[in-house]
C-alpha atoms as a PDB file:
ATOM      1  CA  MET A   1     116.944  29.697 125.530  1.00  0.00           C
ATOM      2  CA  THR A   2     114.665  32.331 126.660  1.00  0.00           C
ATOM      3  CA  LYS A   3     111.366  33.326 124.966  1.00  0.00           C
ATOM      4  CA  ILE A   4     111.283  36.108 122.227  1.00  0.00           C
ATOM      5  CA  PHE A   5     108.884  38.261 124.222  1.00  0.00           C
ATOM      6  CA  GLU A   6     110.664  38.013 127.403  1.00  0.00           C
ATOM      7  CA  VAL A   7     113.765  39.537 125.637  1.00  0.00           C
ATOM      8  CA  ILE A   8     111.910  42.118 123.374  1.00  0.00           C
ATOM      9  CA  ARG A   9     109.350  44.150 125.124  1.00  0.00           C
ATOM     10  CA  LYS A  10     107.990  46.325 122.346  1.00  0.00           C
ATOM     11  CA  PRO A  11     109.061  48.275 119.322  1.00  0.00           C
ATOM     12  CA  LEU A  12     109.891  51.937 119.687  1.00  0.00           C
ATOM     13  CA  LEU A  13     107.856  54.024 117.180  1.00  0.00           C
ATOM     14  CA  THR A  14     109.382  57.460 117.277  1.00  0.00           C
ATOM     15  CA  GLU A  15     110.458  60.074 114.776  1.00  0.00           C
ATOM     16  CA  LYS A  16     114.003  58.969 115.269  1.00  0.00           C
ATOM     17  CA  GLY A  17     112.977  55.443 114.843  1.00  0.00           C
ATOM     18  CA  GLN A  18     111.334  56.174 111.531  1.00  0.00           C
ATOM     19  CA  ILE A  19     114.354  57.806 110.184  1.00  0.00           C
ATOM     20  CA  LEU A  20     116.555  54.881 111.209  1.00  0.00           C
ATOM     21  CA  ARG A  21     114.137  52.480 109.634  1.00  0.00           C
ATOM     22  CA  GLU A  22     115.066  53.996 106.278  1.00  0.00           C
ATOM     23  CA  LYS A  23     118.636  53.070 106.987  1.00  0.00           C
ATOM     24  CA  ASN A  24     117.469  49.427 107.917  1.00  0.00           C
ATOM     25  CA  ILE A  25     117.795  49.902 111.629  1.00  0.00           C
ATOM     26  CA  GLN A  26     115.016  48.792 113.947  1.00  0.00           C
ATOM     27  CA  VAL A  27     114.566  50.117 117.606  1.00  0.00           C
ATOM     28  CA  PHE A  28     113.136  47.952 120.330  1.00  0.00           C
ATOM     29  CA  GLU A  29     112.724  48.261 124.077  1.00  0.00           C
ATOM     30  CA  VAL A  30     114.369  45.052 125.575  1.00  0.00           C
ATOM     31  CA  ALA A  31     114.733  43.516 129.024  1.00  0.00           C
ATOM     32  CA  THR A  32     117.363  45.224 131.083  1.00  0.00           C
ATOM     33  CA  TRP A  33     119.098  41.825 131.707  1.00  0.00           C
ATOM     34  CA  ALA A  34     119.205  40.821 127.983  1.00  0.00           C
ATOM     35  CA  SER A  35     122.618  40.669 126.338  1.00  0.00           C
ATOM     36  CA  LYS A  36     123.304  41.500 122.798  1.00  0.00           C
ATOM     37  CA  HIS A  37     123.628  37.953 121.936  1.00  0.00           C
ATOM     38  CA  GLN A  38     120.093  37.111 123.222  1.00  0.00           C
ATOM     39  CA  ILE A  39     118.575  40.302 121.488  1.00  0.00           C
ATOM     40  CA  ARG A  40     120.231  39.143 118.127  1.00  0.00           C
ATOM     41  CA  GLU A  41     118.644  35.532 118.467  1.00  0.00           C
ATOM     42  CA  ALA A  42     115.320  37.017 119.522  1.00  0.00           C
ATOM     43  CA  VAL A  43     115.161  39.553 116.493  1.00  0.00           C
ATOM     44  CA  GLU A  44     116.334  36.937 114.008  1.00  0.00           C
ATOM     45  CA  LEU A  45     113.458  34.619 115.079  1.00  0.00           C
ATOM     46  CA  LEU A  46     110.855  37.527 115.241  1.00  0.00           C
ATOM     47  CA  LEU A  47     111.539  39.185 111.994  1.00  0.00           C
ATOM     48  CA  GLN A  48     112.960  36.041 110.063  1.00  0.00           C
ATOM     49  CA  SER A  49     115.956  38.195 108.708  1.00  0.00           C
ATOM     50  CA  LYS A  50     119.549  38.273 109.604  1.00  0.00           C
ATOM     51  CA  VAL A  51     121.122  40.748 111.994  1.00  0.00           C
ATOM     52  CA  LYS A  52     124.130  42.707 111.008  1.00  0.00           C
ATOM     53  CA  SER A  53     124.751  44.456 114.435  1.00  0.00           C
ATOM     54  CA  VAL A  54     123.253  45.182 117.726  1.00  0.00           C
ATOM     55  CA  ARG A  55     123.840  48.252 119.901  1.00  0.00           C
ATOM     56  CA  THR A  56     122.271  48.858 123.355  1.00  0.00           C
ATOM     57  CA  VAL A  57     121.498  51.926 125.507  1.00  0.00           C
ATOM     58  CA  ARG A  58     120.698  51.778 129.201  1.00  0.00           C
ATOM     59  CA  ILE A  59     118.398  54.372 130.500  1.00  0.00           C
ATOM     60  CA  PRO A  60     118.634  54.735 134.208  1.00  0.00           C
ATOM     61  CA  SER A  61     115.614  55.399 136.415  1.00  0.00           C
ATOM     62  CA  ARG A  62     114.682  59.110 137.028  1.00  0.00           C
ATOM     63  CA  THR A  63     112.880  60.692 139.940  1.00  0.00           C
ATOM     64  CA  LYS A  64     109.418  61.854 139.046  1.00  0.00           C
ATOM     65  CA  ARG A  65     107.229  64.219 141.061  1.00  0.00           C
ATOM     66  CA  LEU A  66     103.422  64.538 141.086  1.00  0.00           C
ATOM     67  CA  GLY A  67     102.376  67.173 143.563  1.00  0.00           C
ATOM     68  CA  ARG A  68     103.636  66.030 146.947  1.00  0.00           C
ATOM     69  CA  PHE A  69     104.415  62.522 145.855  1.00  0.00           C
ATOM     70  CA  VAL A  70     107.835  61.444 144.787  1.00  0.00           C
ATOM     71  CA  GLY A  71     108.577  58.239 142.731  1.00  0.00           C
ATOM     72  CA  THR A  72     110.894  56.946 140.211  1.00  0.00           C
ATOM     73  CA  SER A  73     110.465  55.834 136.569  1.00  0.00           C
ATOM     74  CA  SER A  74     111.618  52.332 135.958  1.00  0.00           C
ATOM     75  CA  PRO A  75     115.038  51.772 134.171  1.00  0.00           C
ATOM     76  CA  ARG A  76     114.837  50.827 130.663  1.00  0.00           C
ATOM     77  CA  LYS A  77     117.184  49.409 127.896  1.00  0.00           C
ATOM     78  CA  LYS A  78     116.854  50.137 124.127  1.00  0.00           C
ATOM     79  CA  ALA A  79     118.354  48.032 121.368  1.00  0.00           C
ATOM     80  CA  TYR A  80     119.202  49.513 117.955  1.00  0.00           C
ATOM     81  CA  VAL A  81     119.282  46.523 115.598  1.00  0.00           C
ATOM     82  CA  GLU A  82     120.724  46.841 112.142  1.00  0.00           C
ATOM     83  CA  LEU A  83     119.466  44.264 109.587  1.00  0.00           C
ATOM     84  CA  VAL A  84     121.292  42.738 106.630  1.00  0.00           C
ATOM     85  CA  GLU A  85     118.435  43.023 104.159  1.00  0.00           C
ATOM     86  CA  ALA A  86     115.249  45.212 104.192  1.00  0.00           C
ATOM     87  CA  ILE A  87     111.982  44.009 105.399  1.00  0.00           C
ATOM     88  CA  SER A  88     109.009  44.103 102.923  1.00  0.00           C
ATOM     89  CA  SER A  89     106.324  45.915 104.481  1.00  0.00           C
ATOM     90  CA  ALA A  90     102.729  44.718 103.706  1.00  0.00           C
ATOM     91  CA  GLU A  91     100.648  47.676 102.196  1.00  0.00           C
END
């Protein structure tokens, strides 16, 4: 089995992500090679909670320009993970 932090790169903290958290859905940036099964295992180990469903979105690389220099952004993959039960936040 692969390591958790090879599959899950970072949580995505955006306005849309905050709205989805109220519906018990977490958003993560994951490795482009990770499958839904690997993402499910990694999130269950990381958050100590059961996963109800996993949805993924591939974001292709885009051409970026800075003055006369042209480059590309790296391709990314996001995972929307719906949890069975709510995570208690430590406040």
